[in-house]
Amino acid sequence: MLQGALDKWILPTIGDLPVANIDNLSVKSLIEKMSRSLKPRTVNKYMEHVKQVVKSLRSPNGEPTHVRTWDAVLMDLPVVEYSEQHRPSISATTVSELIRSSTGQEQALYVLLAATGMRISEALAVETGHFINDGRTIKVEQQVAKDAPRVVKYLKTAAAKRQVDLHPDVAEFLQRYIGGKKGLLFQTAQGTPHLYSNLEERWLTPRLKKLGLDEKGMGWHSFKRFRKTWLRGRRCLEDINNFWMAHKPQSMSQLLLAFKRRA
C-alpha cells in the first residue's frame, strides 16, 4: 500500500519538490488530485506519509530541519466521518459457530484464520512443509494470487513474511487434519489452490447469512480483525501483535529514499 501511494499519487505530483518546499499550500494539488478518486480516509492516510517524511529530516543536533504546522483547512484536506467507517468483525461466538457447523477443509480454514490472523491469500497457500517447531509455528512466505489458482512466492508487504505461533490446541487440531498429507492444506479436487473469492461465495457468505450476520465488509478480513482484537484483549504485547498480524511499523528510510531519488 505504501509503495502504491508513492508511485501512483505522491511522487508524480510532488516528488520533484525539495522537501523544504513541501508545506500546506504545495500539497493542495496532491490532495485535490487524490480526492477525485479516493475516499477521505485514504487521502488522510496518504498525507500522513508526506508529513512523516518532512518531520523525519533532522539536523545534526537532532532538531527537525523543517518545522511545519499542518493546517487541514489550508490544505483542503477532506474530513473523515468516522461514524461512517464500517469495519465489521466477527465475534468469538460466531467463530465457534462457523467451526461447529462445518467440516473438512472449510472447518480447518476457519480455525486457521481465527487462530492466526493470516490473510486469506496467505492461509490458502500454506503447505505442510511450512509447519515447524513440532507443528506449533507456521512460516508465512507465499500466497495465492487473487485472479488465478496459483501460488506466488511473494507477499503483500515485507512485514508479511513472518512466523506465527499457534496455541497448542490449534496446533494439535491442524496436525490431525493434515494427517499424512503433503503439499497444500487447502486445495481443489484437481490439486490446485482455491480462489478465495470462490470460497467466500460458496462457504463463508452462506453460513453468515444463515446466522443472520452477513453484511457489507463481513468477509475473510473480518477474521483478521477478530484476531487482532482478541490478542489485545489478552494484553498481548503490541510488538508481538503487530508481528503476527504483519502490521510492522513502516520504516521512513523507504519514503526518504524515494523522495531523494526524485529531487
Protein backbone atom coordinates (compact mmCIF):
# COMPACT_ATOMS: atom_id res chain seq x y z
CA MET A 1 0.00 0.00 0.00
CA LEU A 2 2.82 2.42 0.89
CA GLN A 3 4.68 1.84 -2.36
CA GLY A 4 1.45 2.16 -4.31
CA ALA A 5 0.71 5.52 -2.67
CA LEU A 6 4.18 6.73 -3.58
CA ASP A 7 4.15 5.52 -7.17
CA LYS A 8 0.61 6.47 -8.15
CA TRP A 9 -0.09 9.64 -6.19
CA ILE A 10 2.68 11.25 -4.14
CA LEU A 11 5.76 11.10 -6.36
CA PRO A 12 4.10 12.03 -9.68
CA THR A 13 2.57 15.14 -8.08
CA ILE A 14 5.11 16.48 -5.58
CA GLY A 15 8.06 14.11 -5.95
CA ASP A 16 10.16 16.73 -7.77
CA LEU A 17 9.77 19.28 -4.98
CA PRO A 18 12.59 19.69 -2.47
CA VAL A 19 11.42 18.58 0.96
CA ALA A 20 11.98 22.15 2.19
CA ASN A 21 9.22 23.33 -0.16
CA ILE A 22 6.60 20.83 0.95
CA ASP A 23 4.08 22.74 3.04
CA ASN A 24 0.34 23.39 3.41
CA LEU A 25 -0.03 25.14 0.05
CA SER A 26 2.24 22.92 -2.03
CA VAL A 27 0.34 19.75 -1.14
CA LYS A 28 -3.07 21.16 -2.14
CA SER A 29 -2.66 19.92 -5.70
CA LEU A 30 -1.88 16.43 -4.40
CA ILE A 31 -4.90 16.42 -2.11
CA GLU A 32 -7.17 17.73 -4.86
CA LYS A 33 -5.95 15.02 -7.24
CA MET A 34 -6.40 12.22 -4.69
CA SER A 35 -9.81 13.48 -3.57
CA ARG A 36 -11.21 12.99 -7.07
CA SER A 37 -10.63 9.24 -6.87
CA LEU A 38 -10.01 8.22 -3.25
CA LYS A 39 -12.10 8.19 -0.10
CA PRO A 40 -11.37 10.84 2.57
CA ARG A 41 -9.87 8.29 4.93
CA THR A 42 -7.39 7.13 2.26
CA VAL A 43 -6.44 10.71 1.35
CA ASN A 44 -5.74 11.48 5.01
CA LYS A 45 -3.70 8.30 5.37
CA TYR A 46 -1.55 9.10 2.33
CA MET A 47 -1.00 12.62 3.60
CA GLU A 48 0.39 11.17 6.82
CA HIS A 49 3.18 9.60 4.74
CA VAL A 50 4.07 13.04 3.40
CA LYS A 51 4.04 14.60 6.88
CA GLN A 52 6.26 11.85 8.26
CA VAL A 53 8.87 12.43 5.58
CA VAL A 54 9.05 16.15 6.32
CA LYS A 55 9.16 15.52 10.07
CA SER A 56 11.82 12.81 9.82
CA LEU A 57 14.54 15.09 8.43
CA ARG A 58 16.67 16.31 11.33
CA SER A 59 19.74 18.46 11.81
CA PRO A 60 22.93 17.07 13.42
CA ASN A 61 21.69 18.18 16.85
CA GLY A 62 18.52 16.10 16.44
CA GLU A 63 16.12 19.01 15.88
CA PRO A 64 13.63 18.88 12.99
CA THR A 65 15.08 20.51 9.87
CA HIS A 66 11.71 21.68 8.55
CA VAL A 67 9.14 22.62 11.19
CA ARG A 68 5.57 22.57 9.92
CA THR A 69 2.21 23.48 11.42
CA TRP A 70 -0.10 21.47 9.22
CA ASP A 71 -3.49 23.09 8.66
CA ALA A 72 -6.29 20.93 7.26
CA VAL A 73 -8.25 24.00 6.12
CA LEU A 74 -5.33 25.48 4.16
CA MET A 75 -4.64 22.09 2.58
CA ASP A 76 -8.33 21.48 1.79
CA LEU A 77 -7.94 18.10 3.43
CA PRO A 78 -11.24 16.16 3.29
CA VAL A 79 -12.93 15.40 6.60
CA VAL A 80 -13.17 11.77 7.63
CA GLU A 81 -16.58 10.90 9.02
CA TYR A 82 -15.51 8.15 11.40
CA SER A 83 -19.12 7.33 12.17
CA GLU A 84 -19.41 6.19 8.55
CA GLN A 85 -16.33 3.94 8.70
CA HIS A 86 -17.70 0.42 8.88
CA ARG A 87 -15.20 -2.33 9.65
CA PRO A 88 -17.19 -5.32 10.91
CA SER A 89 -15.50 -8.06 12.88
CA ILE A 90 -16.83 -11.45 13.80
CA SER A 91 -17.30 -12.39 17.44
CA ALA A 92 -15.90 -15.38 19.29
CA THR A 93 -19.41 -16.86 19.33
CA THR A 94 -19.68 -16.55 15.55
CA VAL A 95 -16.24 -18.11 15.06
CA SER A 96 -17.26 -21.04 17.26
CA GLU A 97 -20.50 -21.49 15.33
CA LEU A 98 -18.73 -21.39 11.96
CA ILE A 99 -16.31 -24.06 13.14
CA ARG A 100 -19.02 -26.19 14.75
CA SER A 101 -21.26 -26.16 11.68
CA SER A 102 -18.56 -27.02 9.13
CA THR A 103 -16.25 -29.92 8.38
CA GLY A 104 -13.11 -30.81 6.44
CA GLN A 105 -11.25 -28.08 4.60
CA GLU A 106 -13.83 -25.43 5.41
CA GLN A 107 -13.64 -26.09 9.15
CA ALA A 108 -9.83 -26.19 9.15
CA LEU A 109 -9.70 -22.89 7.25
CA TYR A 110 -11.92 -21.14 9.81
CA VAL A 111 -9.72 -22.47 12.62
CA LEU A 112 -6.52 -21.34 10.92
CA LEU A 113 -7.79 -17.83 10.11
CA ALA A 114 -9.25 -17.16 13.56
CA ALA A 115 -6.21 -18.54 15.39
CA THR A 116 -3.53 -16.77 13.34
CA GLY A 117 -4.98 -13.63 11.76
CA MET A 118 -3.41 -14.63 8.44
CA ARG A 119 -4.71 -13.07 5.27
CA ILE A 120 -6.91 -15.45 3.32
CA SER A 121 -4.43 -15.40 0.41
CA GLU A 122 -1.68 -16.50 2.82
CA ALA A 123 -3.77 -19.18 4.51
CA LEU A 124 -4.73 -20.81 1.21
CA ALA A 125 -1.04 -21.06 0.26
CA VAL A 126 0.08 -22.82 3.46
CA GLU A 127 1.75 -26.15 2.82
CA THR A 128 2.53 -28.93 5.27
CA GLY A 129 6.21 -28.04 5.00
CA HIS A 130 5.53 -24.61 6.46
CA PHE A 131 4.86 -26.09 9.90
CA ILE A 132 7.92 -26.04 12.16
CA ASN A 133 8.57 -26.36 15.88
CA ASP A 134 6.68 -29.66 16.05
CA GLY A 135 3.71 -28.10 14.28
CA ARG A 136 3.36 -25.21 16.71
CA THR A 137 4.62 -22.49 14.36
CA ILE A 138 3.72 -21.62 10.77
CA LYS A 139 6.10 -19.93 8.35
CA VAL A 140 4.26 -17.41 6.18
CA GLU A 141 6.20 -16.91 2.96
CA GLN A 142 3.83 -17.17 -0.01
CA GLN A 143 0.24 -16.53 -1.06
CA VAL A 144 -2.37 -17.44 -3.63
CA ALA A 145 -2.81 -14.98 -6.48
CA LYS A 146 -6.05 -13.04 -6.49
CA ASP A 147 -7.10 -13.77 -10.05
CA ALA A 148 -5.68 -17.24 -10.73
CA PRO A 149 -5.36 -20.56 -8.87
CA ARG A 150 -1.61 -20.39 -8.43
CA VAL A 151 0.80 -19.86 -5.55
CA VAL A 152 3.18 -16.91 -5.84
CA LYS A 153 6.41 -16.54 -3.90
CA TYR A 154 5.78 -13.02 -2.67
CA LEU A 155 3.56 -11.40 -0.06
CA LYS A 156 1.59 -8.18 0.24
CA THR A 157 4.30 -6.41 2.26
CA ALA A 158 7.82 -7.11 3.50
CA ALA A 159 6.42 -7.41 7.03
CA ALA A 160 4.11 -10.20 5.89
CA LYS A 161 6.99 -12.68 5.75
CA ARG A 162 6.89 -13.96 9.30
CA GLN A 163 6.37 -16.87 11.66
CA VAL A 164 3.09 -17.22 13.53
CA ASP A 165 2.89 -19.25 16.73
CA LEU A 166 -0.13 -21.47 17.36
CA HIS A 167 -1.97 -22.32 20.54
CA PRO A 168 -1.19 -25.98 21.41
CA ASP A 169 -4.84 -26.98 20.91
CA VAL A 170 -4.90 -25.36 17.46
CA ALA A 171 -1.58 -26.96 16.53
CA GLU A 172 -2.92 -30.37 17.55
CA PHE A 173 -6.15 -29.86 15.59
CA LEU A 174 -4.28 -28.86 12.42
CA GLN A 175 -1.86 -31.78 12.70
CA ARG A 176 -4.80 -34.17 12.95
CA TYR A 177 -6.35 -32.50 9.91
CA ILE A 178 -3.08 -32.83 7.97
CA GLY A 179 -2.72 -36.50 8.82
CA GLY A 180 -0.02 -37.72 6.47
CA LYS A 181 -0.84 -35.35 3.63
CA LYS A 182 1.81 -33.40 1.74
CA GLY A 183 1.56 -30.12 -0.08
CA LEU A 184 -1.21 -27.54 0.26
CA LEU A 185 -3.51 -27.72 3.28
CA PHE A 186 -6.40 -26.48 1.15
CA GLN A 187 -6.83 -27.50 -2.47
CA THR A 188 -9.41 -28.34 -5.11
CA ALA A 189 -10.16 -31.84 -6.36
CA GLN A 190 -7.67 -31.11 -9.14
CA GLY A 191 -4.94 -30.33 -6.62
CA THR A 192 -4.86 -26.60 -7.39
CA PRO A 193 -5.16 -23.76 -4.84
CA HIS A 194 -8.62 -22.41 -4.06
CA LEU A 195 -9.58 -18.92 -5.20
CA TYR A 196 -10.64 -17.11 -2.05
CA SER A 197 -13.43 -15.21 -3.83
CA ASN A 198 -14.98 -18.55 -4.77
CA LEU A 199 -14.71 -19.87 -1.21
CA GLU A 200 -16.29 -16.73 0.21
CA GLU A 201 -19.24 -17.20 -2.12
CA ARG A 202 -19.55 -20.95 -1.52
CA TRP A 203 -18.66 -21.26 2.17
CA LEU A 204 -18.46 -18.12 4.27
CA THR A 205 -21.30 -15.95 2.95
CA PRO A 206 -23.98 -18.69 3.06
CA ARG A 207 -23.07 -19.57 6.66
CA LEU A 208 -23.10 -15.93 7.74
CA LYS A 209 -26.48 -15.46 6.07
CA LYS A 210 -27.81 -18.48 7.93
CA LEU A 211 -26.61 -16.88 11.18
CA GLY A 212 -28.14 -13.54 10.18
CA LEU A 213 -24.73 -11.88 10.23
CA ASP A 214 -23.98 -11.23 6.57
CA GLU A 215 -23.32 -7.54 5.90
CA LYS A 216 -21.08 -5.35 3.80
CA GLY A 217 -17.44 -5.84 4.75
CA MET A 218 -18.08 -9.08 6.62
CA GLY A 219 -15.66 -11.15 4.55
CA TRP A 220 -12.43 -13.01 5.11
CA HIS A 221 -10.69 -9.94 6.53
CA SER A 222 -13.10 -9.93 9.49
CA PHE A 223 -11.16 -12.93 10.85
CA LYS A 224 -8.01 -10.81 10.90
CA ARG A 225 -9.78 -8.03 12.79
CA PHE A 226 -11.15 -10.63 15.22
CA ARG A 227 -7.67 -11.99 15.94
CA LYS A 228 -6.17 -8.51 16.41
CA THR A 229 -8.89 -7.56 18.89
CA TRP A 230 -8.66 -10.90 20.71
CA LEU A 231 -4.90 -10.53 21.25
CA ARG A 232 -5.32 -7.01 22.57
CA GLY A 233 -7.99 -8.26 24.95
CA ARG A 234 -5.47 -10.78 26.28
CA ARG A 235 -2.94 -7.95 26.75
CA CYS A 236 -0.57 -9.35 24.16
CA LEU A 237 2.45 -7.07 23.68
CA GLU A 238 1.67 -4.76 20.78
CA ASP A 239 5.00 -5.50 19.07
CA ILE A 240 4.19 -9.22 19.04
CA ASN A 241 0.62 -8.49 17.94
CA ASN A 242 1.89 -6.37 15.04
CA PHE A 243 4.43 -9.02 14.05
CA TRP A 244 1.88 -11.82 13.93
CA MET A 245 -0.61 -9.59 12.08
CA ALA A 246 2.06 -8.38 9.62
CA HIS A 247 1.45 -4.82 10.84
CA LYS A 248 5.09 -4.00 11.43
CA PRO A 249 5.60 -0.20 11.67
CA GLN A 250 6.72 1.28 8.38
CA SER A 251 10.30 2.45 8.01
CA MET A 252 10.88 6.05 6.95
CA SER A 253 14.05 5.13 5.03
CA GLN A 254 11.92 3.80 2.15
CA LEU A 255 9.98 7.04 1.90
CA LEU A 256 13.06 9.24 2.17
CA LEU A 257 14.92 7.30 -0.49
CA ALA A 258 12.02 7.65 -2.91
CA PHE A 259 11.80 11.42 -2.39
CA LYS A 260 15.57 11.89 -2.72
CA ARG A 261 15.64 10.00 -6.00
CA ARG A 262 13.02 12.33 -7.45
CA ALA A 263 14.61 15.55 -6.08
